[in-house]
Amino acid sequence: MKRMIIHTLKQAKRVIVIVIGFTILLVGIAMIVLPGPAFIVIPLGLAVLATEFIWARRLLKSMKARFDQIRN
């Protein structure tokens, strides 16, 4: 029973992280056309999603490289 609860809690945590990450990401994408700091919110959403998805980690790393390139 205990093992089942731990497994279920891990699944629940993953679902919560995914929902929060995609919500933040979608709000950031909406801020591209709406007023707001999209350049801050989109990487924040990707950072949350990067805890669960490799594709988000890669995209976040690519965005960081581009920001560093633009800054220099």
N, C-alpha and C. Protein backbone atom coordinates (compact mmCIF):
# COMPACT_ATOMS: atom_id res chain seq x y z
N MET A 1 0.82 -1.19 0.00
CA MET A 1 0.00 0.00 0.00
C MET A 1 0.87 1.26 0.00
N LYS A 2 1.93 1.25 0.83
CA LYS A 2 2.80 2.42 0.93
C LYS A 2 3.48 2.70 -0.41
N ARG A 3 3.91 1.66 -1.09
CA ARG A 3 4.57 1.83 -2.38
C ARG A 3 3.62 2.45 -3.40
N MET A 4 2.37 2.05 -3.37
CA MET A 4 1.38 2.58 -4.28
C MET A 4 1.13 4.07 -4.02
N ILE A 5 1.12 4.46 -2.75
CA ILE A 5 0.90 5.86 -2.40
C ILE A 5 2.07 6.71 -2.88
N ILE A 6 3.29 6.22 -2.68
CA ILE A 6 4.48 6.97 -3.13
C ILE A 6 4.45 7.13 -4.64
N HIS A 7 4.12 6.07 -5.34
CA HIS A 7 4.04 6.13 -6.80
C HIS A 7 2.98 7.13 -7.24
N THR A 8 1.85 7.12 -6.57
CA THR A 8 0.76 8.03 -6.90
C THR A 8 1.15 9.47 -6.58
N LEU A 9 1.86 9.69 -5.49
CA LEU A 9 2.30 11.04 -5.15
C LEU A 9 3.29 11.58 -6.17
N LYS A 10 4.17 10.72 -6.66
CA LYS A 10 5.11 11.14 -7.71
C LYS A 10 4.37 11.52 -8.98
N GLN A 11 3.35 10.74 -9.33
CA GLN A 11 2.56 11.06 -10.52
C GLN A 11 1.80 12.37 -10.33
N ALA A 12 1.24 12.58 -9.14
CA ALA A 12 0.51 13.81 -8.86
C ALA A 12 1.44 15.01 -8.94
N LYS A 13 2.65 14.89 -8.38
CA LYS A 13 3.63 15.98 -8.45
C LYS A 13 3.98 16.30 -9.89
N ARG A 14 4.17 15.25 -10.69
CA ARG A 14 4.52 15.46 -12.09
C ARG A 14 3.40 16.17 -12.84
N VAL A 15 2.17 15.77 -12.60
CA VAL A 15 1.03 16.42 -13.25
C VAL A 15 0.94 17.88 -12.85
N ILE A 16 1.14 18.17 -11.57
CA ILE A 16 1.08 19.55 -11.09
C ILE A 16 2.18 20.39 -11.73
N VAL A 17 3.38 19.86 -11.80
CA VAL A 17 4.50 20.59 -12.42
C VAL A 17 4.21 20.84 -13.90
N ILE A 18 3.67 19.86 -14.59
CA ILE A 18 3.37 20.01 -16.01
C ILE A 18 2.29 21.06 -16.23
N VAL A 19 1.23 21.03 -15.44
CA VAL A 19 0.14 22.00 -15.58
C VAL A 19 0.64 23.40 -15.30
N ILE A 20 1.39 23.58 -14.21
CA ILE A 20 1.91 24.90 -13.87
C ILE A 20 2.88 25.39 -14.94
N GLY A 21 3.77 24.52 -15.40
CA GLY A 21 4.75 24.91 -16.41
C GLY A 21 4.10 25.34 -17.71
N PHE A 22 3.14 24.55 -18.20
CA PHE A 22 2.47 24.91 -19.45
C PHE A 22 1.62 26.16 -19.28
N THR A 23 1.02 26.35 -18.12
CA THR A 23 0.24 27.56 -17.88
C THR A 23 1.13 28.79 -17.94
N ILE A 24 2.26 28.74 -17.26
CA ILE A 24 3.20 29.87 -17.29
C ILE A 24 3.70 30.11 -18.71
N LEU A 25 4.01 29.03 -19.41
CA LEU A 25 4.51 29.16 -20.79
C LEU A 25 3.45 29.79 -21.69
N LEU A 26 2.20 29.36 -21.58
CA LEU A 26 1.13 29.92 -22.41
C LEU A 26 0.87 31.39 -22.08
N VAL A 27 0.95 31.74 -20.80
CA VAL A 27 0.79 33.15 -20.43
C VAL A 27 1.93 33.97 -21.03
N GLY A 28 3.13 33.43 -21.02
CA GLY A 28 4.27 34.13 -21.62
C GLY A 28 4.11 34.31 -23.12
N ILE A 29 3.62 33.26 -23.78
CA ILE A 29 3.38 33.37 -25.22
C ILE A 29 2.31 34.41 -25.51
N ALA A 30 1.27 34.45 -24.67
CA ALA A 30 0.23 35.47 -24.85
C ALA A 30 0.80 36.87 -24.65
N MET A 31 1.80 37.00 -23.79
CA MET A 31 2.40 38.30 -23.53
C MET A 31 3.23 38.81 -24.70
N ILE A 32 3.46 37.98 -25.68
CA ILE A 32 4.16 38.46 -26.87
C ILE A 32 3.31 39.52 -27.56
N VAL A 33 1.99 39.31 -27.59
CA VAL A 33 1.10 40.29 -28.22
C VAL A 33 0.38 41.16 -27.20
N LEU A 34 0.31 40.71 -25.96
CA LEU A 34 -0.31 41.50 -24.89
C LEU A 34 0.79 42.19 -24.09
N PRO A 35 0.42 43.22 -23.35
CA PRO A 35 1.45 43.88 -22.53
C PRO A 35 1.94 42.96 -21.41
N GLY A 36 3.22 42.93 -21.24
CA GLY A 36 3.80 42.11 -20.18
C GLY A 36 5.21 41.67 -20.54
N PRO A 37 5.93 41.19 -19.55
CA PRO A 37 7.34 40.80 -19.75
C PRO A 37 7.47 39.37 -20.28
N ALA A 38 7.14 39.16 -21.53
CA ALA A 38 7.19 37.81 -22.12
C ALA A 38 8.60 37.24 -22.08
N PHE A 39 9.61 38.09 -22.22
CA PHE A 39 10.99 37.61 -22.24
C PHE A 39 11.44 37.08 -20.87
N ILE A 40 10.65 37.34 -19.83
CA ILE A 40 10.93 36.78 -18.50
C ILE A 40 10.04 35.58 -18.22
N VAL A 41 8.79 35.66 -18.62
CA VAL A 41 7.80 34.64 -18.29
C VAL A 41 8.02 33.35 -19.09
N ILE A 42 8.37 33.46 -20.36
CA ILE A 42 8.58 32.26 -21.18
C ILE A 42 9.74 31.42 -20.65
N PRO A 43 10.90 32.00 -20.37
CA PRO A 43 11.97 31.17 -19.78
C PRO A 43 11.59 30.60 -18.41
N LEU A 44 10.79 31.30 -17.65
CA LEU A 44 10.34 30.78 -16.36
C LEU A 44 9.48 29.53 -16.56
N GLY A 45 8.56 29.58 -17.52
CA GLY A 45 7.75 28.41 -17.82
C GLY A 45 8.59 27.25 -18.32
N LEU A 46 9.57 27.55 -19.16
CA LEU A 46 10.47 26.50 -19.64
C LEU A 46 11.31 25.91 -18.51
N ALA A 47 11.70 26.75 -17.55
CA ALA A 47 12.48 26.26 -16.42
C ALA A 47 11.65 25.28 -15.58
N VAL A 48 10.38 25.57 -15.40
CA VAL A 48 9.51 24.66 -14.66
C VAL A 48 9.35 23.36 -15.44
N LEU A 49 9.12 23.46 -16.74
CA LEU A 49 8.95 22.26 -17.56
C LEU A 49 10.25 21.48 -17.70
N ALA A 50 11.38 22.15 -17.60
CA ALA A 50 12.67 21.48 -17.75
C ALA A 50 12.94 20.50 -16.61
N THR A 51 12.21 20.63 -15.52
CA THR A 51 12.36 19.66 -14.44
C THR A 51 11.78 18.31 -14.81
N GLU A 52 10.93 18.27 -15.84
CA GLU A 52 10.28 17.02 -16.25
C GLU A 52 10.57 16.60 -17.69
N PHE A 53 10.93 17.56 -18.55
CA PHE A 53 11.08 17.26 -19.98
C PHE A 53 12.46 17.67 -20.49
N ILE A 54 13.06 16.79 -21.25
CA ILE A 54 14.37 17.07 -21.85
C ILE A 54 14.25 18.14 -22.92
N TRP A 55 13.17 18.12 -23.71
CA TRP A 55 13.01 19.10 -24.79
C TRP A 55 12.95 20.52 -24.21
N ALA A 56 12.32 20.69 -23.07
CA ALA A 56 12.25 22.02 -22.44
C ALA A 56 13.63 22.44 -21.94
N ARG A 57 14.40 21.50 -21.42
CA ARG A 57 15.75 21.78 -20.95
C ARG A 57 16.62 22.24 -22.10
N ARG A 58 16.51 21.55 -23.24
CA ARG A 58 17.31 21.92 -24.42
C ARG A 58 16.91 23.30 -24.95
N LEU A 59 15.60 23.56 -25.01
CA LEU A 59 15.12 24.84 -25.50
C LEU A 59 15.55 25.98 -24.58
N LEU A 60 15.49 25.75 -23.28
CA LEU A 60 15.93 26.76 -22.32
C LEU A 60 17.42 27.03 -22.46
N LYS A 61 18.20 25.98 -22.65
CA LYS A 61 19.64 26.14 -22.84
C LYS A 61 19.93 26.93 -24.12
N SER A 62 19.17 26.65 -25.17
CA SER A 62 19.33 27.37 -26.43
C SER A 62 18.97 28.85 -26.27
N MET A 63 17.90 29.11 -25.54
CA MET A 63 17.50 30.51 -25.30
C MET A 63 18.55 31.26 -24.49
N LYS A 64 19.12 30.59 -23.50
CA LYS A 64 20.18 31.22 -22.70
C LYS A 64 21.38 31.57 -23.57
N ALA A 65 21.73 30.67 -24.47
CA ALA A 65 22.86 30.92 -25.37
C ALA A 65 22.58 32.11 -26.27
N ARG A 66 21.35 32.21 -26.78
CA ARG A 66 21.00 33.35 -27.64
C ARG A 66 21.02 34.66 -26.86
N PHE A 67 20.50 34.65 -25.63
CA PHE A 67 20.54 35.87 -24.83
C PHE A 67 21.97 36.30 -24.54
N ASP A 68 22.83 35.33 -24.25
CA ASP A 68 24.24 35.66 -24.01
C ASP A 68 24.89 36.22 -25.27
N GLN A 69 24.53 35.65 -26.42
CA GLN A 69 25.07 36.11 -27.70
C GLN A 69 24.60 37.54 -27.99
N ILE A 70 23.35 37.83 -27.72
CA ILE A 70 22.81 39.17 -27.95
C ILE A 70 23.44 40.17 -26.98
N ARG A 71 23.62 39.74 -25.74
CA ARG A 71 24.19 40.62 -24.71
C ARG A 71 25.63 41.01 -25.05
N ASN A 72 26.37 40.09 -25.64
CA ASN A 72 27.78 40.36 -25.97
C ASN A 72 27.82 40.97 -27.32
